[in-house]
Amino acid sequence: MATVDEVELLPDPEQHKLLGATLERVNRVSNAARAAALAANTFEGAPLRELVKAEVARAKLPDPFVRPILDRVEASLRRRAGKQPKFSTFQ
């Protein structure tokens, strides 16, 4: 029977810096999308997705970020309806 070896890859310093910068951009987009959703009184579904897509496009992030940002903004709106918490820098 074959064995499986696990390997943990760590980013080099340049990749680490790029990953941190990308996460900061995602958090800024999440904050902007959440604020836009609250202003438009939109909390789920296609209207929220369109708001998130617009913010992702404005920040020039790739389209694959739409779904994870939509999920986290939607969850945030469900948890704290009426409050406006911010996503922290490295959340």
N, C-alpha and C. Protein backbone atom coordinates (compact mmCIF):
# COMPACT_ATOMS: atom_id res chain seq x y z
N MET A 1 0.84 -1.18 0.00
CA MET A 1 0.00 0.00 0.00
C MET A 1 0.89 1.25 0.00
N ALA A 2 0.55 2.19 -0.82
CA ALA A 2 1.34 3.42 -0.95
C ALA A 2 1.09 4.34 0.24
N THR A 3 2.13 5.06 0.62
CA THR A 3 1.97 6.03 1.71
C THR A 3 1.86 7.43 1.13
N VAL A 4 1.25 8.28 1.89
CA VAL A 4 1.08 9.67 1.47
C VAL A 4 1.94 10.54 2.37
N ASP A 5 2.84 11.28 1.77
CA ASP A 5 3.66 12.20 2.52
C ASP A 5 3.03 13.58 2.45
N GLU A 6 2.95 14.23 3.59
CA GLU A 6 2.39 15.58 3.62
C GLU A 6 3.52 16.58 3.60
N VAL A 7 3.32 17.60 2.79
CA VAL A 7 4.30 18.66 2.67
C VAL A 7 3.57 19.98 2.88
N GLU A 8 4.14 20.83 3.71
CA GLU A 8 3.56 22.14 3.94
C GLU A 8 4.43 23.17 3.23
N LEU A 9 3.83 23.86 2.27
CA LEU A 9 4.57 24.86 1.52
C LEU A 9 4.35 26.23 2.15
N LEU A 10 5.41 26.93 2.37
CA LEU A 10 5.34 28.28 2.92
C LEU A 10 5.70 29.28 1.84
N PRO A 11 4.99 30.40 1.79
CA PRO A 11 5.31 31.40 0.77
C PRO A 11 6.65 32.06 1.06
N ASP A 12 7.34 32.42 -0.02
CA ASP A 12 8.58 33.17 0.18
C ASP A 12 8.21 34.60 0.57
N PRO A 13 9.16 35.42 1.00
CA PRO A 13 8.83 36.77 1.48
C PRO A 13 8.06 37.62 0.46
N GLU A 14 8.39 37.49 -0.81
CA GLU A 14 7.68 38.27 -1.84
C GLU A 14 6.23 37.80 -1.96
N GLN A 15 6.02 36.49 -1.97
CA GLN A 15 4.66 35.96 -2.04
C GLN A 15 3.87 36.33 -0.80
N HIS A 16 4.51 36.31 0.35
CA HIS A 16 3.86 36.67 1.60
C HIS A 16 3.36 38.11 1.55
N LYS A 17 4.19 38.98 1.04
CA LYS A 17 3.83 40.40 0.91
C LYS A 17 2.65 40.56 -0.06
N LEU A 18 2.68 39.84 -1.18
CA LEU A 18 1.61 39.91 -2.17
C LEU A 18 0.30 39.36 -1.60
N LEU A 19 0.37 38.25 -0.86
CA LEU A 19 -0.83 37.67 -0.26
C LEU A 19 -1.44 38.63 0.76
N GLY A 20 -0.61 39.28 1.56
CA GLY A 20 -1.11 40.25 2.53
C GLY A 20 -1.78 41.43 1.86
N ALA A 21 -1.17 41.93 0.78
CA ALA A 21 -1.75 43.06 0.05
C ALA A 21 -3.09 42.67 -0.59
N THR A 22 -3.17 41.46 -1.10
CA THR A 22 -4.41 40.99 -1.70
C THR A 22 -5.50 40.87 -0.65
N LEU A 23 -5.16 40.34 0.52
CA LEU A 23 -6.13 40.22 1.59
C LEU A 23 -6.64 41.59 2.04
N GLU A 24 -5.76 42.57 2.10
CA GLU A 24 -6.19 43.93 2.45
C GLU A 24 -7.16 44.47 1.41
N ARG A 25 -6.89 44.23 0.13
CA ARG A 25 -7.80 44.68 -0.93
C ARG A 25 -9.15 44.00 -0.81
N VAL A 26 -9.15 42.70 -0.54
CA VAL A 26 -10.40 41.95 -0.38
C VAL A 26 -11.20 42.51 0.80
N ASN A 27 -10.54 42.85 1.89
CA ASN A 27 -11.24 43.41 3.05
C ASN A 27 -11.81 44.79 2.74
N ARG A 28 -11.07 45.61 1.99
CA ARG A 28 -11.61 46.92 1.59
C ARG A 28 -12.84 46.76 0.72
N VAL A 29 -12.79 45.81 -0.21
CA VAL A 29 -13.94 45.56 -1.09
C VAL A 29 -15.11 45.04 -0.27
N SER A 30 -14.84 44.16 0.69
CA SER A 30 -15.91 43.64 1.55
C SER A 30 -16.57 44.76 2.34
N ASN A 31 -15.78 45.66 2.88
CA ASN A 31 -16.33 46.81 3.62
C ASN A 31 -17.17 47.69 2.72
N ALA A 32 -16.67 47.97 1.52
CA ALA A 32 -17.40 48.83 0.58
C ALA A 32 -18.70 48.16 0.15
N ALA A 33 -18.66 46.85 -0.11
CA ALA A 33 -19.86 46.13 -0.53
C ALA A 33 -20.89 46.09 0.59
N ARG A 34 -20.43 45.90 1.82
CA ARG A 34 -21.34 45.87 2.97
C ARG A 34 -22.00 47.24 3.16
N ALA A 35 -21.22 48.30 3.05
CA ALA A 35 -21.77 49.65 3.18
C ALA A 35 -22.78 49.93 2.07
N ALA A 36 -22.47 49.53 0.85
CA ALA A 36 -23.40 49.73 -0.27
C ALA A 36 -24.68 48.93 -0.07
N ALA A 37 -24.55 47.72 0.45
CA ALA A 37 -25.72 46.88 0.69
C ALA A 37 -26.62 47.50 1.77
N LEU A 38 -26.01 48.00 2.82
CA LEU A 38 -26.80 48.65 3.87
C LEU A 38 -27.48 49.90 3.34
N ALA A 39 -26.78 50.67 2.53
CA ALA A 39 -27.37 51.89 1.96
C ALA A 39 -28.53 51.57 1.03
N ALA A 40 -28.42 50.46 0.30
CA ALA A 40 -29.46 50.06 -0.65
C ALA A 40 -30.51 49.16 0.01
N ASN A 41 -30.33 48.86 1.30
CA ASN A 41 -31.25 47.99 2.02
C ASN A 41 -31.36 46.63 1.33
N THR A 42 -30.21 46.10 0.90
CA THR A 42 -30.13 44.82 0.21
C THR A 42 -29.33 43.86 1.07
N PHE A 43 -29.91 42.69 1.36
CA PHE A 43 -29.26 41.79 2.30
C PHE A 43 -28.94 40.41 1.75
N GLU A 44 -29.46 40.05 0.56
CA GLU A 44 -29.18 38.73 0.01
C GLU A 44 -29.60 38.65 -1.45
N GLY A 45 -29.26 37.53 -2.07
CA GLY A 45 -29.72 37.24 -3.42
C GLY A 45 -28.99 38.00 -4.51
N ALA A 46 -29.65 38.05 -5.67
CA ALA A 46 -29.06 38.65 -6.86
C ALA A 46 -28.72 40.14 -6.68
N PRO A 47 -29.56 40.93 -6.02
CA PRO A 47 -29.19 42.34 -5.85
C PRO A 47 -27.89 42.52 -5.06
N LEU A 48 -27.69 41.70 -4.03
CA LEU A 48 -26.45 41.78 -3.26
C LEU A 48 -25.27 41.33 -4.12
N ARG A 49 -25.48 40.29 -4.90
CA ARG A 49 -24.41 39.80 -5.79
C ARG A 49 -23.98 40.90 -6.77
N GLU A 50 -24.93 41.63 -7.30
CA GLU A 50 -24.61 42.71 -8.25
C GLU A 50 -23.81 43.82 -7.56
N LEU A 51 -24.16 44.14 -6.33
CA LEU A 51 -23.40 45.14 -5.58
C LEU A 51 -21.96 44.67 -5.35
N VAL A 52 -21.81 43.41 -4.97
CA VAL A 52 -20.47 42.86 -4.75
C VAL A 52 -19.68 42.83 -6.04
N LYS A 53 -20.32 42.40 -7.13
CA LYS A 53 -19.62 42.37 -8.43
C LYS A 53 -19.14 43.76 -8.83
N ALA A 54 -19.95 44.77 -8.57
CA ALA A 54 -19.57 46.14 -8.92
C ALA A 54 -18.36 46.58 -8.10
N GLU A 55 -18.36 46.25 -6.82
CA GLU A 55 -17.22 46.63 -5.96
C GLU A 55 -15.96 45.86 -6.35
N VAL A 56 -16.09 44.60 -6.70
CA VAL A 56 -14.94 43.80 -7.14
C VAL A 56 -14.38 44.39 -8.44
N ALA A 57 -15.25 44.75 -9.36
CA ALA A 57 -14.80 45.36 -10.62
C ALA A 57 -14.12 46.71 -10.37
N ARG A 58 -14.68 47.50 -9.46
CA ARG A 58 -14.12 48.81 -9.15
C ARG A 58 -12.71 48.66 -8.57
N ALA A 59 -12.49 47.63 -7.77
CA ALA A 59 -11.18 47.40 -7.15
C ALA A 59 -10.23 46.62 -8.07
N LYS A 60 -10.74 46.23 -9.23
CA LYS A 60 -9.96 45.49 -10.22
C LYS A 60 -9.41 44.18 -9.67
N LEU A 61 -10.24 43.51 -8.87
CA LEU A 61 -9.91 42.16 -8.40
C LEU A 61 -10.45 41.16 -9.43
N PRO A 62 -9.85 40.00 -9.53
CA PRO A 62 -10.35 38.98 -10.47
C PRO A 62 -11.75 38.49 -10.07
N ASP A 63 -12.52 38.06 -11.06
CA ASP A 63 -13.89 37.59 -10.84
C ASP A 63 -14.01 36.45 -9.83
N PRO A 64 -13.03 35.54 -9.72
CA PRO A 64 -13.19 34.47 -8.72
C PRO A 64 -13.32 34.97 -7.27
N PHE A 65 -13.02 36.23 -7.01
CA PHE A 65 -13.17 36.77 -5.66
C PHE A 65 -14.62 37.14 -5.35
N VAL A 66 -15.49 37.19 -6.36
CA VAL A 66 -16.88 37.61 -6.13
C VAL A 66 -17.57 36.68 -5.14
N ARG A 67 -17.48 35.38 -5.35
CA ARG A 67 -18.20 34.43 -4.50
C ARG A 67 -17.74 34.48 -3.04
N PRO A 68 -16.43 34.40 -2.76
CA PRO A 68 -16.04 34.45 -1.35
C PRO A 68 -16.40 35.78 -0.67
N ILE A 69 -16.29 36.89 -1.40
CA ILE A 69 -16.65 38.18 -0.81
C ILE A 69 -18.16 38.24 -0.59
N LEU A 70 -18.93 37.74 -1.55
CA LEU A 70 -20.38 37.70 -1.39
C LEU A 70 -20.76 36.88 -0.17
N ASP A 71 -20.13 35.72 0.00
CA ASP A 71 -20.44 34.85 1.15
C ASP A 71 -20.15 35.55 2.47
N ARG A 72 -18.99 36.21 2.57
CA ARG A 72 -18.64 36.83 3.85
C ARG A 72 -19.49 38.07 4.13
N VAL A 73 -19.84 38.83 3.09
CA VAL A 73 -20.69 40.01 3.30
C VAL A 73 -22.10 39.57 3.68
N GLU A 74 -22.61 38.56 2.99
CA GLU A 74 -23.95 38.05 3.30
C GLU A 74 -24.01 37.52 4.73
N ALA A 75 -22.99 36.78 5.14
CA ALA A 75 -22.95 36.25 6.51
C ALA A 75 -22.86 37.39 7.52
N SER A 76 -22.08 38.41 7.20
CA SER A 76 -21.94 39.55 8.09
C SER A 76 -23.27 40.30 8.23
N LEU A 77 -23.99 40.44 7.15
CA LEU A 77 -25.28 41.13 7.19
C LEU A 77 -26.30 40.32 7.97
N ARG A 78 -26.23 38.99 7.87
CA ARG A 78 -27.16 38.14 8.62
C ARG A 78 -26.88 38.19 10.12
N ARG A 79 -25.60 38.16 10.48
CA ARG A 79 -25.22 38.14 11.90
C ARG A 79 -25.53 39.44 12.61
N ARG A 80 -25.30 40.53 11.95
CA ARG A 80 -25.36 41.81 12.64
C ARG A 80 -26.23 42.82 11.91
N ALA A 81 -27.43 42.45 11.64
CA ALA A 81 -28.33 43.38 10.97
C ALA A 81 -28.46 44.64 11.81
N GLY A 82 -28.25 45.76 11.17
CA GLY A 82 -28.36 47.03 11.87
C GLY A 82 -27.05 47.58 12.36
N LYS A 83 -26.04 46.73 12.54
CA LYS A 83 -24.72 47.20 12.97
C LYS A 83 -23.82 47.26 11.75
N GLN A 84 -22.74 47.98 11.85
CA GLN A 84 -21.85 48.13 10.71
C GLN A 84 -20.40 47.84 11.09
N PRO A 85 -20.06 46.58 11.43
CA PRO A 85 -18.68 46.28 11.76
C PRO A 85 -17.82 46.29 10.49
N LYS A 86 -16.55 46.49 10.67
CA LYS A 86 -15.61 46.49 9.57
C LYS A 86 -14.84 45.18 9.58
N PHE A 87 -14.40 44.76 8.40
CA PHE A 87 -13.51 43.61 8.30
C PHE A 87 -12.12 44.13 8.61
N SER A 88 -11.43 43.48 9.51
CA SER A 88 -10.12 43.94 9.90
C SER A 88 -9.09 43.64 8.81
N THR A 89 -7.92 44.20 8.94
CA THR A 89 -6.90 44.10 7.91
C THR A 89 -6.58 42.66 7.54
N PHE A 90 -6.39 41.79 8.50
CA PHE A 90 -6.01 40.41 8.21
C PHE A 90 -7.04 39.40 8.69
N GLN A 91 -8.30 39.73 8.56
CA GLN A 91 -9.37 38.84 9.01
C GLN A 91 -9.53 37.69 8.06
